[in-house]
Amino acid sequence: MLKLTYTTNGFHLEHLSQSIEEWVNTRVLLAMRSGTGLSVEPSTACFLLPQNLANLDTLEEMGEDTLSVSMCDADSVEISLEGTWLSSNNESEEGLFVCVMDESAEIFLYQLWKTAQYQLTVNS
């Protein structure tokens, strides 16, 4: 499972071995026990990766139904994922997005994202 955490400062991607059902159930229980609101709905999440990442074309070839790669501009591609959005309310831009793909595709996408983050810190 991939988990994307969206905040006002950006987002963070994680690869988790837990099942999506178990993870969502835990989040729902946490919200219930803490008395906080929780919105859970099917959604799409997008983020950018540099177009010059090695093996980026392999991601498209993996044939995942829940993932699409689109040209964004001369420097970036947009990764779109189908999954589940969890937030404190329906209109929030901050929250958690989780999706499930073939584990090798999840790990590969996670490694691409980590490589992009490393390149950002080196070039900053």
PDB file of N, CA and C in Angstrom:
ATOM      1  N   MET A   1       0.848  -1.167   0.000  1.00  0.00           N
ATOM      2  CA  MET A   1       0.000   0.000   0.000  1.00  0.00           C
ATOM      3  C   MET A   1       0.895   1.231   0.000  1.00  0.00           C
ATOM      4  N   LEU A   2       0.476   2.249  -0.750  1.00  0.00           N
ATOM      5  CA  LEU A   2       1.157   3.545  -0.717  1.00  0.00           C
ATOM      6  C   LEU A   2       0.308   4.523   0.073  1.00  0.00           C
ATOM      7  N   LYS A   3       0.970   5.322   0.897  1.00  0.00           N
ATOM      8  CA  LYS A   3       0.284   6.356   1.671  1.00  0.00           C
ATOM      9  C   LYS A   3       0.928   7.694   1.346  1.00  0.00           C
ATOM     10  N   LEU A   4       0.104   8.637   0.895  1.00  0.00           N
ATOM     11  CA  LEU A   4       0.560  10.000   0.627  1.00  0.00           C
ATOM     12  C   LEU A   4      -0.033  10.893   1.694  1.00  0.00           C
ATOM     13  N   THR A   5       0.802  11.639   2.376  1.00  0.00           N
ATOM     14  CA  THR A   5       0.352  12.582   3.395  1.00  0.00           C
ATOM     15  C   THR A   5       0.479  13.980   2.814  1.00  0.00           C
ATOM     16  N   TYR A   6      -0.664  14.648   2.651  1.00  0.00           N
ATOM     17  CA  TYR A   6      -0.692  16.005   2.111  1.00  0.00           C
ATOM     18  C   TYR A   6      -0.837  16.999   3.251  1.00  0.00           C
ATOM     19  N   THR A   7       0.084  17.985   3.307  1.00  0.00           N
ATOM     20  CA  THR A   7       0.044  19.051   4.301  1.00  0.00           C
ATOM     21  C   THR A   7       0.143  20.390   3.582  1.00  0.00           C
ATOM     22  N   THR A   8       0.096  21.475   4.331  1.00  0.00           N
ATOM     23  CA  THR A   8       0.231  22.794   3.719  1.00  0.00           C
ATOM     24  C   THR A   8       1.626  23.000   3.141  1.00  0.00           C
ATOM     25  N   ASN A   9       2.603  22.220   3.612  1.00  0.00           N
ATOM     26  CA  ASN A   9       3.988  22.363   3.156  1.00  0.00           C
ATOM     27  C   ASN A   9       4.368  21.411   2.025  1.00  0.00           C
ATOM     28  N   GLY A  10       3.463  20.564   1.568  1.00  0.00           N
ATOM     29  CA  GLY A  10       3.776  19.606   0.511  1.00  0.00           C
ATOM     30  C   GLY A  10       3.189  18.252   0.828  1.00  0.00           C
ATOM     31  N   PHE A  11       3.865  17.221   0.378  1.00  0.00           N
ATOM     32  CA  PHE A  11       3.386  15.878   0.673  1.00  0.00           C
ATOM     33  C   PHE A  11       4.554  14.933   0.888  1.00  0.00           C
ATOM     34  N   HIS A  12       4.233  13.809   1.507  1.00  0.00           N
ATOM     35  CA  HIS A  12       5.228  12.779   1.784  1.00  0.00           C
ATOM     36  C   HIS A  12       4.643  11.442   1.354  1.00  0.00           C
ATOM     37  N   LEU A  13       5.445  10.612   0.716  1.00  0.00           N
ATOM     38  CA  LEU A  13       5.018   9.307   0.229  1.00  0.00           C
ATOM     39  C   LEU A  13       5.678   8.214   1.059  1.00  0.00           C
ATOM     40  N   GLU A  14       4.881   7.204   1.434  1.00  0.00           N
ATOM     41  CA  GLU A  14       5.396   6.065   2.183  1.00  0.00           C
ATOM     42  C   GLU A  14       4.895   4.781   1.551  1.00  0.00           C
ATOM     43  N   HIS A  15       5.687   3.735   1.647  1.00  0.00           N
ATOM     44  CA  HIS A  15       5.248   2.399   1.244  1.00  0.00           C
ATOM     45  C   HIS A  15       5.025   1.606   2.525  1.00  0.00           C
ATOM     46  N   LEU A  16       3.802   1.094   2.708  1.00  0.00           N
ATOM     47  CA  LEU A  16       3.458   0.346   3.915  1.00  0.00           C
ATOM     48  C   LEU A  16       3.099  -1.089   3.558  1.00  0.00           C
ATOM     49  N   SER A  17       3.443  -2.024   4.423  1.00  0.00           N
ATOM     50  CA  SER A  17       3.126  -3.423   4.168  1.00  0.00           C
ATOM     51  C   SER A  17       1.740  -3.807   4.682  1.00  0.00           C
ATOM     52  N   GLN A  18       1.123  -2.946   5.462  1.00  0.00           N
ATOM     53  CA  GLN A  18      -0.194  -3.203   6.028  1.00  0.00           C
ATOM     54  C   GLN A  18      -1.252  -3.186   4.926  1.00  0.00           C
ATOM     55  N   SER A  19      -2.331  -3.975   5.089  1.00  0.00           N
ATOM     56  CA  SER A  19      -3.411  -3.955   4.108  1.00  0.00           C
ATOM     57  C   SER A  19      -4.190  -2.650   4.235  1.00  0.00           C
ATOM     58  N   ILE A  20      -4.775  -2.217   3.129  1.00  0.00           N
ATOM     59  CA  ILE A  20      -5.525  -0.960   3.138  1.00  0.00           C
ATOM     60  C   ILE A  20      -6.732  -1.045   4.070  1.00  0.00           C
ATOM     61  N   GLU A  21      -7.395  -2.192   4.104  1.00  0.00           N
ATOM     62  CA  GLU A  21      -8.565  -2.361   4.973  1.00  0.00           C
ATOM     63  C   GLU A  21      -8.182  -2.236   6.438  1.00  0.00           C
ATOM     64  N   GLU A  22      -7.104  -2.891   6.823  1.00  0.00           N
ATOM     65  CA  GLU A  22      -6.630  -2.825   8.203  1.00  0.00           C
ATOM     66  C   GLU A  22      -6.220  -1.400   8.565  1.00  0.00           C
ATOM     67  N   TRP A  23      -5.511  -0.722   7.651  1.00  0.00           N
ATOM     68  CA  TRP A  23      -5.038   0.623   7.919  1.00  0.00           C
ATOM     69  C   TRP A  23      -6.212   1.598   8.053  1.00  0.00           C
ATOM     70  N   VAL A  24      -7.185   1.535   7.138  1.00  0.00           N
ATOM     71  CA  VAL A  24      -8.345   2.433   7.198  1.00  0.00           C
ATOM     72  C   VAL A  24      -9.160   2.152   8.458  1.00  0.00           C
ATOM     73  N   ASN A  25      -9.367   0.886   8.798  1.00  0.00           N
ATOM     74  CA  ASN A  25     -10.101   0.550  10.028  1.00  0.00           C
ATOM     75  C   ASN A  25      -9.436   1.145  11.256  1.00  0.00           C
ATOM     76  N   THR A  26      -8.111   1.088  11.304  1.00  0.00           N
ATOM     77  CA  THR A  26      -7.380   1.668  12.431  1.00  0.00           C
ATOM     78  C   THR A  26      -7.587   3.171  12.497  1.00  0.00           C
ATOM     79  N   ARG A  27      -7.547   3.845  11.328  1.00  0.00           N
ATOM     80  CA  ARG A  27      -7.763   5.306  11.295  1.00  0.00           C
ATOM     81  C   ARG A  27      -9.178   5.664  11.736  1.00  0.00           C
ATOM     82  N   VAL A  28     -10.162   4.893  11.331  1.00  0.00           N
ATOM     83  CA  VAL A  28     -11.552   5.141  11.727  1.00  0.00           C
ATOM     84  C   VAL A  28     -11.693   4.964  13.237  1.00  0.00           C
ATOM     85  N   LEU A  29     -11.127   3.899  13.779  1.00  0.00           N
ATOM     86  CA  LEU A  29     -11.182   3.691  15.232  1.00  0.00           C
ATOM     87  C   LEU A  29     -10.506   4.827  15.984  1.00  0.00           C
ATOM     88  N   LEU A  30      -9.374   5.277  15.489  1.00  0.00           N
ATOM     89  CA  LEU A  30      -8.665   6.396  16.121  1.00  0.00           C
ATOM     90  C   LEU A  30      -9.535   7.651  16.128  1.00  0.00           C
ATOM     91  N   ALA A  31     -10.181   7.934  15.006  1.00  0.00           N
ATOM     92  CA  ALA A  31     -11.056   9.109  14.932  1.00  0.00           C
ATOM     93  C   ALA A  31     -12.233   8.975  15.896  1.00  0.00           C
ATOM     94  N   MET A  32     -12.830   7.800  15.957  1.00  0.00           N
ATOM     95  CA  MET A  32     -13.963   7.576  16.864  1.00  0.00           C
ATOM     96  C   MET A  32     -13.552   7.755  18.317  1.00  0.00           C
ATOM     97  N   ARG A  33     -12.440   7.160  18.681  1.00  0.00           N
ATOM     98  CA  ARG A  33     -11.995   7.211  20.082  1.00  0.00           C
ATOM     99  C   ARG A  33     -11.523   8.592  20.499  1.00  0.00           C
ATOM    100  N   SER A  34     -11.020   9.375  19.541  1.00  0.00           N
ATOM    101  CA  SER A  34     -10.558  10.722  19.872  1.00  0.00           C
ATOM    102  C   SER A  34     -11.645  11.770  19.666  1.00  0.00           C
ATOM    103  N   GLY A  35     -12.777  11.366  19.121  1.00  0.00           N
ATOM    104  CA  GLY A  35     -13.890  12.288  18.922  1.00  0.00           C
ATOM    105  C   GLY A  35     -13.656  13.296  17.808  1.00  0.00           C
ATOM    106  N   THR A  36     -12.852  12.944  16.837  1.00  0.00           N
ATOM    107  CA  THR A  36     -12.594  13.844  15.711  1.00  0.00           C
ATOM    108  C   THR A  36     -13.329  13.360  14.471  1.00  0.00           C
ATOM    109  N   GLY A  37     -13.652  14.298  13.602  1.00  0.00           N
ATOM    110  CA  GLY A  37     -14.330  13.953  12.361  1.00  0.00           C
ATOM    111  C   GLY A  37     -13.381  13.271  11.388  1.00  0.00           C
ATOM    112  N   LEU A  38     -13.943  12.445  10.529  1.00  0.00           N
ATOM    113  CA  LEU A  38     -13.140  11.781   9.517  1.00  0.00           C
ATOM    114  C   LEU A  38     -13.994  11.547   8.286  1.00  0.00           C
ATOM    115  N   SER A  39     -13.498  12.021   7.176  1.00  0.00           N
ATOM    116  CA  SER A  39     -14.148  11.800   5.892  1.00  0.00           C
ATOM    117  C   SER A  39     -13.316  10.772   5.135  1.00  0.00           C
ATOM    118  N   VAL A  40     -13.985   9.738   4.611  1.00  0.00           N
ATOM    119  CA  VAL A  40     -13.318   8.687   3.852  1.00  0.00           C
ATOM    120  C   VAL A  40     -14.068   8.543   2.538  1.00  0.00           C
ATOM    121  N   GLU A  41     -13.365   8.766   1.419  1.00  0.00           N
ATOM    122  CA  GLU A  41     -14.039   8.684   0.128  1.00  0.00           C
ATOM    123  C   GLU A  41     -13.083   8.284  -0.987  1.00  0.00           C
ATOM    124  N   PRO A  42     -13.615   7.640  -2.026  1.00  0.00           N
ATOM    125  CA  PRO A  42     -12.769   7.328  -3.185  1.00  0.00           C
ATOM    126  C   PRO A  42     -12.316   8.621  -3.840  1.00  0.00           C
ATOM    127  N   SER A  43     -11.088   8.624  -4.343  1.00  0.00           N
ATOM    128  CA  SER A  43     -10.549   9.858  -4.900  1.00  0.00           C
ATOM    129  C   SER A  43      -9.346   9.567  -5.795  1.00  0.00           C
ATOM    130  N   THR A  44      -8.810  10.642  -6.347  1.00  0.00           N
ATOM    131  CA  THR A  44      -7.588  10.599  -7.144  1.00  0.00           C
ATOM    132  C   THR A  44      -6.578  11.545  -6.517  1.00  0.00           C
ATOM    133  N   ALA A  45      -5.329  11.121  -6.464  1.00  0.00           N
ATOM    134  CA  ALA A  45      -4.245  11.977  -5.974  1.00  0.00           C
ATOM    135  C   ALA A  45      -3.210  12.110  -7.080  1.00  0.00           C
ATOM    136  N   CYS A  46      -2.613  13.280  -7.167  1.00  0.00           N
ATOM    137  CA  CYS A  46      -1.600  13.548  -8.191  1.00  0.00           C
ATOM    138  C   CYS A  46      -0.378  14.193  -7.549  1.00  0.00           C
ATOM    139  N   PHE A  47       0.762  13.909  -8.146  1.00  0.00           N
ATOM    140  CA  PHE A  47       1.994  14.587  -7.750  1.00  0.00           C
ATOM    141  C   PHE A  47       2.940  14.578  -8.939  1.00  0.00           C
ATOM    142  N   LEU A  48       3.949  15.419  -8.863  1.00  0.00           N
ATOM    143  CA  LEU A  48       4.900  15.564  -9.966  1.00  0.00           C
ATOM    144  C   LEU A  48       6.202  14.834  -9.670  1.00  0.00           C
ATOM    145  N   LEU A  49       6.788  14.309 -10.746  1.00  0.00           N
ATOM    146  CA  LEU A  49       8.135  13.753 -10.696  1.00  0.00           C
ATOM    147  C   LEU A  49       8.930  14.370 -11.834  1.00  0.00           C
ATOM    148  N   PRO A  50      10.232  14.515 -11.656  1.00  0.00           N
ATOM    149  CA  PRO A  50      11.062  15.037 -12.746  1.00  0.00           C
ATOM    150  C   PRO A  50      11.016  14.092 -13.954  1.00  0.00           C
ATOM    151  N   GLN A  51      10.960  14.679 -15.101  1.00  0.00           N
ATOM    152  CA  GLN A  51      10.880  13.895 -16.334  1.00  0.00           C
ATOM    153  C   GLN A  51      12.177  13.136 -16.610  1.00  0.00           C
ATOM    154  N   ASN A  52      13.282  13.592 -16.053  1.00  0.00           N
ATOM    155  CA  ASN A  52      14.579  12.988 -16.355  1.00  0.00           C
ATOM    156  C   ASN A  52      14.968  11.828 -15.435  1.00  0.00           C
ATOM    157  N   LEU A  53      14.033  11.324 -14.628  1.00  0.00           N
ATOM    158  CA  LEU A  53      14.341  10.191 -13.756  1.00  0.00           C
ATOM    159  C   LEU A  53      14.627   8.945 -14.587  1.00  0.00           C
ATOM    160  N   ALA A  54      15.673   8.238 -14.224  1.00  0.00           N
ATOM    161  CA  ALA A  54      15.999   6.985 -14.912  1.00  0.00           C
ATOM    162  C   ALA A  54      14.874   5.976 -14.688  1.00  0.00           C
ATOM    163  N   ASN A  55      14.540   5.245 -15.713  1.00  0.00           N
ATOM    164  CA  ASN A  55      13.538   4.170 -15.667  1.00  0.00           C
ATOM    165  C   ASN A  55      12.103   4.642 -15.443  1.00  0.00           C
ATOM    166  N   LEU A  56      11.839   5.921 -15.631  1.00  0.00           N
ATOM    167  CA  LEU A  56      10.471   6.426 -15.472  1.00  0.00           C
ATOM    168  C   LEU A  56       9.524   5.746 -16.454  1.00  0.00           C
ATOM    169  N   ASP A  57      10.003   5.445 -17.643  1.00  0.00           N
ATOM    170  CA  ASP A  57       9.160   4.785 -18.645  1.00  0.00           C
ATOM    171  C   ASP A  57       8.721   3.391 -18.192  1.00  0.00           C
ATOM    172  N   THR A  58       9.484   2.757 -17.323  1.00  0.00           N
ATOM    173  CA  THR A  58       9.122   1.442 -16.789  1.00  0.00           C
ATOM    174  C   THR A  58       7.830   1.523 -15.991  1.00  0.00           C
ATOM    175  N   LEU A  59       7.608   2.636 -15.329  1.00  0.00           N
ATOM    176  CA  LEU A  59       6.398   2.818 -14.537  1.00  0.00           C
ATOM    177  C   LEU A  59       5.158   2.704 -15.407  1.00  0.00           C
ATOM    178  N   GLU A  60       5.176   3.332 -16.576  1.00  0.00           N
ATOM    179  CA  GLU A  60       4.044   3.261 -17.503  1.00  0.00           C
ATOM    180  C   GLU A  60       3.844   1.846 -18.022  1.00  0.00           C
ATOM    181  N   GLU A  61       4.928   1.129 -18.212  1.00  0.00           N
ATOM    182  CA  GLU A  61       4.859  -0.215 -18.764  1.00  0.00           C
ATOM    183  C   GLU A  61       4.329  -1.248 -17.772  1.00  0.00           C
ATOM    184  N   MET A  62       4.229  -0.885 -16.497  1.00  0.00           N
ATOM    185  CA  MET A  62       3.761  -1.835 -15.492  1.00  0.00           C
ATOM    186  C   MET A  62       2.273  -2.136 -15.639  1.00  0.00           C
ATOM    187  N   GLY A  63       1.551  -1.306 -16.385  1.00  0.00           N
ATOM    188  CA  GLY A  63       0.163  -1.590 -16.701  1.00  0.00           C
ATOM    189  C   GLY A  63      -0.796  -1.558 -15.530  1.00  0.00           C
ATOM    190  N   GLU A  64      -0.559  -0.708 -14.570  1.00  0.00           N
ATOM    191  CA  GLU A  64      -1.447  -0.586 -13.419  1.00  0.00           C
ATOM    192  C   GLU A  64      -2.685   0.228 -13.783  1.00  0.00           C
ATOM    193  N   ASP A  65      -3.881  -0.288 -13.468  1.00  0.00           N
ATOM    194  CA  ASP A  65      -5.129   0.423 -13.746  1.00  0.00           C
ATOM    195  C   ASP A  65      -5.304   1.643 -12.851  1.00  0.00           C
ATOM    196  N   THR A  66      -4.710   1.620 -11.682  1.00  0.00           N
ATOM    197  CA  THR A  66      -4.888   2.696 -10.711  1.00  0.00           C
ATOM    198  C   THR A  66      -3.868   3.813 -10.864  1.00  0.00           C
ATOM    199  N   LEU A  67      -2.988   3.716 -11.867  1.00  0.00           N
ATOM    200  CA  LEU A  67      -1.905   4.678 -12.036  1.00  0.00           C
ATOM    201  C   LEU A  67      -1.864   5.181 -13.470  1.00  0.00           C
ATOM    202  N   SER A  68      -1.662   6.491 -13.632  1.00  0.00           N
ATOM    203  CA  SER A  68      -1.413   7.027 -14.970  1.00  0.00           C
ATOM    204  C   SER A  68      -0.278   8.045 -14.889  1.00  0.00           C
ATOM    205  N   VAL A  69       0.475   8.120 -15.984  1.00  0.00           N
ATOM    206  CA  VAL A  69       1.597   9.046 -16.093  1.00  0.00           C
ATOM    207  C   VAL A  69       1.314   9.962 -17.270  1.00  0.00           C
ATOM    208  N   SER A  70       1.346  11.278 -17.033  1.00  0.00           N
ATOM    209  CA  SER A  70       1.056  12.255 -18.076  1.00  0.00           C
ATOM    210  C   SER A  70       2.151  13.308 -18.117  1.00  0.00           C
ATOM    211  N   MET A  71       2.464  13.759 -19.328  1.00  0.00           N
ATOM    212  CA  MET A  71       3.415  14.861 -19.466  1.00  0.00           C
ATOM    213  C   MET A  71       2.795  16.113 -18.835  1.00  0.00           C
ATOM    214  N   CYS A  72       3.566  16.811 -18.042  1.00  0.00           N
ATOM    215  CA  CYS A  72       3.077  18.023 -17.388  1.00  0.00           C
ATOM    216  C   CYS A  72       3.679  19.253 -18.058  1.00  0.00           C
ATOM    217  N   ASP A  73       4.987  19.302 -18.125  1.00  0.00           N
ATOM    218  CA  ASP A  73       5.706  20.379 -18.802  1.00  0.00           C
ATOM    219  C   ASP A  73       7.052  19.820 -19.250  1.00  0.00           C
ATOM    220  N   ALA A  74       7.951  20.676 -19.658  1.00  0.00           N
ATOM    221  CA  ALA A  74       9.241  20.213 -20.181  1.00  0.00           C
ATOM    222  C   ALA A  74      10.080  19.485 -19.137  1.00  0.00           C
ATOM    223  N   ASP A  75       9.810  19.732 -17.858  1.00  0.00           N
ATOM    224  CA  ASP A  75      10.636  19.159 -16.800  1.00  0.00           C
ATOM    225  C   ASP A  75       9.958  18.086 -15.954  1.00  0.00           C
ATOM    226  N   SER A  76       8.620  17.976 -16.034  1.00  0.00           N
ATOM    227  CA  SER A  76       7.899  17.131 -15.086  1.00  0.00           C
ATOM    228  C   SER A  76       6.857  16.241 -15.753  1.00  0.00           C
ATOM    229  N   VAL A  77       6.579  15.135 -15.073  1.00  0.00           N
ATOM    230  CA  VAL A  77       5.444  14.293 -15.412  1.00  0.00           C
ATOM    231  C   VAL A  77       4.521  14.266 -14.200  1.00  0.00           C
ATOM    232  N   GLU A  78       3.225  14.108 -14.460  1.00  0.00           N
ATOM    233  CA  GLU A  78       2.256  14.024 -13.386  1.00  0.00           C
ATOM    234  C   GLU A  78       1.881  12.571 -13.175  1.00  0.00           C
ATOM    235  N   ILE A  79       1.981  12.124 -11.951  1.00  0.00           N
ATOM    236  CA  ILE A  79       1.572  10.784 -11.565  1.00  0.00           C
ATOM    237  C   ILE A  79       0.190  10.904 -10.931  1.00  0.00           C
ATOM    238  N   SER A  80      -0.783  10.181 -11.460  1.00  0.00           N
ATOM    239  CA  SER A  80      -2.134  10.172 -10.910  1.00  0.00           C
ATOM    240  C   SER A  80      -2.439   8.775 -10.382  1.00  0.00           C
ATOM    241  N   LEU A  81      -2.981   8.727  -9.187  1.00  0.00           N
ATOM    242  CA  LEU A  81      -3.303   7.465  -8.532  1.00  0.00           C
ATOM    243  C   LEU A  81      -4.768   7.443  -8.123  1.00  0.00           C
ATOM    244  N   GLU A  82      -5.402   6.296  -8.265  1.00  0.00           N
ATOM    245  CA  GLU A  82      -6.773   6.089  -7.797  1.00  0.00           C
ATOM    246  C   GLU A  82      -6.711   5.400  -6.452  1.00  0.00           C
ATOM    247  N   GLY A  83      -7.487   5.895  -5.491  1.00  0.00           N
ATOM    248  CA  GLY A  83      -7.472   5.284  -4.172  1.00  0.00           C
ATOM    249  C   GLY A  83      -8.502   5.884  -3.250  1.00  0.00           C
ATOM    250  N   THR A  84      -8.126   6.066  -1.989  1.00  0.00           N
ATOM    251  CA  THR A  84      -9.036   6.540  -0.946  1.00  0.00           C
ATOM    252  C   THR A  84      -8.433   7.741  -0.242  1.00  0.00           C
ATOM    253  N   TRP A  85      -9.243   8.799  -0.097  1.00  0.00           N
ATOM    254  CA  TRP A  85      -8.840  10.039   0.566  1.00  0.00           C
ATOM    255  C   TRP A  85      -9.445  10.067   1.958  1.00  0.00           C
ATOM    256  N   LEU A  86      -8.623  10.371   2.961  1.00  0.00           N
ATOM    257  CA  LEU A  86      -9.079  10.514   4.339  1.00  0.00           C
ATOM    258  C   LEU A  86      -8.678  11.891   4.836  1.00  0.00           C
ATOM    259  N   SER A  87      -9.658  12.623   5.371  1.00  0.00           N
ATOM    260  CA  SER A  87      -9.363  13.956   5.900  1.00  0.00           C
ATOM    261  C   SER A  87     -10.331  14.285   7.020  1.00  0.00           C
ATOM    262  N   SER A  88     -10.051  15.375   7.712  1.00  0.00           N
ATOM    263  CA  SER A  88     -10.906  15.771   8.830  1.00  0.00           C
ATOM    264  C   SER A  88     -12.251  16.320   8.362  1.00  0.00           C
ATOM    265  N   ASN A  89     -12.303  16.806   7.111  1.00  0.00           N
ATOM    266  CA  ASN A  89     -13.579  17.226   6.529  1.00  0.00           C
ATOM    267  C   ASN A  89     -13.501  17.134   4.999  1.00  0.00           C
ATOM    268  N   ASN A  90     -14.645  17.176   4.350  1.00  0.00           N
ATOM    269  CA  ASN A  90     -14.716  16.962   2.896  1.00  0.00           C
ATOM    270  C   ASN A  90     -13.964  18.002   2.082  1.00  0.00           C
ATOM    271  N   GLU A  91     -13.849  19.209   2.577  1.00  0.00           N
ATOM    272  CA  GLU A  91     -13.254  20.303   1.811  1.00  0.00           C
ATOM    273  C   GLU A  91     -11.766  20.519   2.092  1.00  0.00           C
ATOM    274  N   SER A  92     -11.191  19.732   2.965  1.00  0.00           N
ATOM    275  CA  SER A  92      -9.803  19.934   3.367  1.00  0.00           C
ATOM    276  C   SER A  92      -8.829  19.556   2.256  1.00  0.00           C
ATOM    277  N   GLU A  93      -7.786  20.357   2.113  1.00  0.00           N
ATOM    278  CA  GLU A  93      -6.696  20.042   1.187  1.00  0.00           C
ATOM    279  C   GLU A  93      -5.576  19.291   1.898  1.00  0.00           C
ATOM    280  N   GLU A  94      -5.713  19.129   3.200  1.00  0.00           N
ATOM    281  CA  GLU A  94      -4.758  18.362   3.985  1.00  0.00           C
ATOM    282  C   GLU A  94      -5.403  17.039   4.352  1.00  0.00           C
ATOM    283  N   GLY A  95      -4.638  15.981   4.242  1.00  0.00           N
ATOM    284  CA  GLY A  95      -5.175  14.679   4.596  1.00  0.00           C
ATOM    285  C   GLY A  95      -4.257  13.567   4.139  1.00  0.00           C
ATOM    286  N   LEU A  96      -4.817  12.366   4.120  1.00  0.00           N
ATOM    287  CA  LEU A  96      -4.073  11.175   3.759  1.00  0.00           C
ATOM    288  C   LEU A  96      -4.743  10.506   2.568  1.00  0.00           C
ATOM    289  N   PHE A  97      -3.931  10.019   1.664  1.00  0.00           N
ATOM    290  CA  PHE A  97      -4.421   9.291   0.503  1.00  0.00           C
ATOM    291  C   PHE A  97      -3.727   7.939   0.493  1.00  0.00           C
ATOM    292  N   VAL A  98      -4.504   6.876   0.330  1.00  0.00           N
ATOM    293  CA  VAL A  98      -3.926   5.534   0.285  1.00  0.00           C
ATOM    294  C   VAL A  98      -4.398   4.824  -0.973  1.00  0.00           C
ATOM    295  N   CYS A  99      -3.530   4.000  -1.533  1.00  0.00           N
ATOM    296  CA  CYS A  99      -3.899   3.217  -2.711  1.00  0.00           C
ATOM    297  C   CYS A  99      -3.138   1.903  -2.711  1.00  0.00           C
ATOM    298  N   VAL A 100      -3.680   0.964  -3.454  1.00  0.00           N
ATOM    299  CA  VAL A 100      -3.072  -0.355  -3.551  1.00  0.00           C
ATOM    300  C   VAL A 100      -2.825  -0.671  -5.016  1.00  0.00           C
ATOM    301  N   MET A 101      -1.623  -1.124  -5.292  1.00  0.00           N
ATOM    302  CA  MET A 101      -1.231  -1.606  -6.615  1.00  0.00           C
ATOM    303  C   MET A 101      -0.460  -2.897  -6.399  1.00  0.00           C
ATOM    304  N   ASP A 102       0.018  -3.461  -7.477  1.00  0.00           N
ATOM    305  CA  ASP A 102       0.936  -4.584  -7.372  1.00  0.00           C
ATOM    306  C   ASP A 102       2.125  -4.119  -6.534  1.00  0.00           C
ATOM    307  N   GLU A 103       2.584  -4.953  -5.618  1.00  0.00           N
ATOM    308  CA  GLU A 103       3.639  -4.524  -4.701  1.00  0.00           C
ATOM    309  C   GLU A 103       4.907  -4.071  -5.416  1.00  0.00           C
ATOM    310  N   SER A 104       5.253  -4.715  -6.510  1.00  0.00           N
ATOM    311  CA  SER A 104       6.461  -4.298  -7.234  1.00  0.00           C
ATOM    312  C   SER A 104       6.273  -2.899  -7.824  1.00  0.00           C
ATOM    313  N   ALA A 105       5.063  -2.570  -8.278  1.00  0.00           N
ATOM    314  CA  ALA A 105       4.787  -1.229  -8.787  1.00  0.00           C
ATOM    315  C   ALA A 105       4.833  -0.206  -7.656  1.00  0.00           C
ATOM    316  N   GLU A 106       4.299  -0.571  -6.499  1.00  0.00           N
ATOM    317  CA  GLU A 106       4.350   0.336  -5.346  1.00  0.00           C
ATOM    318  C   GLU A 106       5.794   0.638  -4.955  1.00  0.00           C
ATOM    319  N   ILE A 107       6.591  -0.398  -4.849  1.00  0.00           N
ATOM    320  CA  ILE A 107       7.997  -0.217  -4.453  1.00  0.00           C
ATOM    321  C   ILE A 107       8.745   0.593  -5.505  1.00  0.00           C
ATOM    322  N   PHE A 108       8.485   0.317  -6.765  1.00  0.00           N
ATOM    323  CA  PHE A 108       9.160   1.036  -7.836  1.00  0.00           C
ATOM    324  C   PHE A 108       8.801   2.518  -7.808  1.00  0.00           C
ATOM    325  N   LEU A 109       7.514   2.833  -7.672  1.00  0.00           N
ATOM    326  CA  LEU A 109       7.082   4.230  -7.598  1.00  0.00           C
ATOM    327  C   LEU A 109       7.671   4.914  -6.367  1.00  0.00           C
ATOM    328  N   TYR A 110       7.683   4.218  -5.252  1.00  0.00           N
ATOM    329  CA  TYR A 110       8.263   4.773  -4.033  1.00  0.00           C
ATOM    330  C   TYR A 110       9.750   5.084  -4.228  1.00  0.00           C
ATOM    331  N   GLN A 111      10.476   4.189  -4.872  1.00  0.00           N
ATOM    332  CA  GLN A 111      11.900   4.419  -5.125  1.00  0.00           C
ATOM    333  C   GLN A 111      12.116   5.599  -6.068  1.00  0.00           C
ATOM    334  N   LEU A 112      11.265   5.733  -7.091  1.00  0.00           N
ATOM    335  CA  LEU A 112      11.349   6.892  -7.986  1.00  0.00           C
ATOM    336  C   LEU A 112      11.149   8.187  -7.197  1.00  0.00           C
ATOM    337  N   TRP A 113      10.140   8.204  -6.330  1.00  0.00           N
ATOM    338  CA  TRP A 113       9.859   9.394  -5.527  1.00  0.00           C
ATOM    339  C   TRP A 113      11.040   9.723  -4.609  1.00  0.00           C
ATOM    340  N   LYS A 114      11.620   8.696  -3.960  1.00  0.00           N
ATOM    341  CA  LYS A 114      12.783   8.926  -3.090  1.00  0.00           C
ATOM    342  C   LYS A 114      13.958   9.485  -3.886  1.00  0.00           C
ATOM    343  N   THR A 115      14.174   8.975  -5.090  1.00  0.00           N
ATOM    344  CA  THR A 115      15.244   9.481  -5.945  1.00  0.00           C
ATOM    345  C   THR A 115      15.006  10.945  -6.285  1.00  0.00           C
ATOM    346  N   ALA A 116      13.760  11.285  -6.608  1.00  0.00           N
ATOM    347  CA  ALA A 116      13.414  12.681  -6.915  1.00  0.00           C
ATOM    348  C   ALA A 116      13.645  13.582  -5.709  1.00  0.00           C
ATOM    349  N   GLN A 117      13.297  13.115  -4.517  1.00  0.00           N
ATOM    350  CA  GLN A 117      13.516  13.906  -3.303  1.00  0.00           C
ATOM    351  C   GLN A 117      14.993  14.116  -3.051  1.00  0.00           C
ATOM    352  N   TYR A 118      15.793  13.089  -3.296  1.00  0.00           N
ATOM    353  CA  TYR A 118      17.239  13.193  -3.132  1.00  0.00           C
ATOM    354  C   TYR A 118      17.808  14.227  -4.119  1.00  0.00           C
ATOM    355  N   GLN A 119      17.352  14.161  -5.365  1.00  0.00           N
ATOM    356  CA  GLN A 119      17.820  15.121  -6.374  1.00  0.00           C
ATOM    357  C   GLN A 119      17.467  16.550  -5.982  1.00  0.00           C
ATOM    358  N   LEU A 120      16.294  16.748  -5.395  1.00  0.00           N
ATOM    359  CA  LEU A 120      15.890  18.079  -4.946  1.00  0.00           C
ATOM    360  C   LEU A 120      16.818  18.616  -3.870  1.00  0.00           C
ATOM    361  N   THR A 121      17.178  17.759  -2.914  1.00  0.00           N
ATOM    362  CA  THR A 121      18.040  18.224  -1.821  1.00  0.00           C
ATOM    363  C   THR A 121      19.463  18.481  -2.310  1.00  0.00           C
ATOM    364  N   VAL A 122      19.929  17.681  -3.252  1.00  0.00           N
ATOM    365  CA  VAL A 122      21.283  17.867  -3.785  1.00  0.00           C
ATOM    366  C   VAL A 122      21.361  19.148  -4.625  1.00  0.00           C
ATOM    367  N   ASN A 123      20.317  19.421  -5.389  1.00  0.00           N
ATOM    368  CA  ASN A 123      20.310  20.594  -6.273  1.00  0.00           C
ATOM    369  C   ASN A 123      19.917  21.881  -5.560  1.00  0.00           C
ATOM    370  N   SER A 124      19.515  21.789  -4.287  1.00  0.00           N
ATOM    371  CA  SER A 124      19.087  23.004  -3.561  1.00  0.00           C
ATOM    372  C   SER A 124      20.253  23.750  -2.972  1.00  0.00           C
TER     373      SER A 124
END
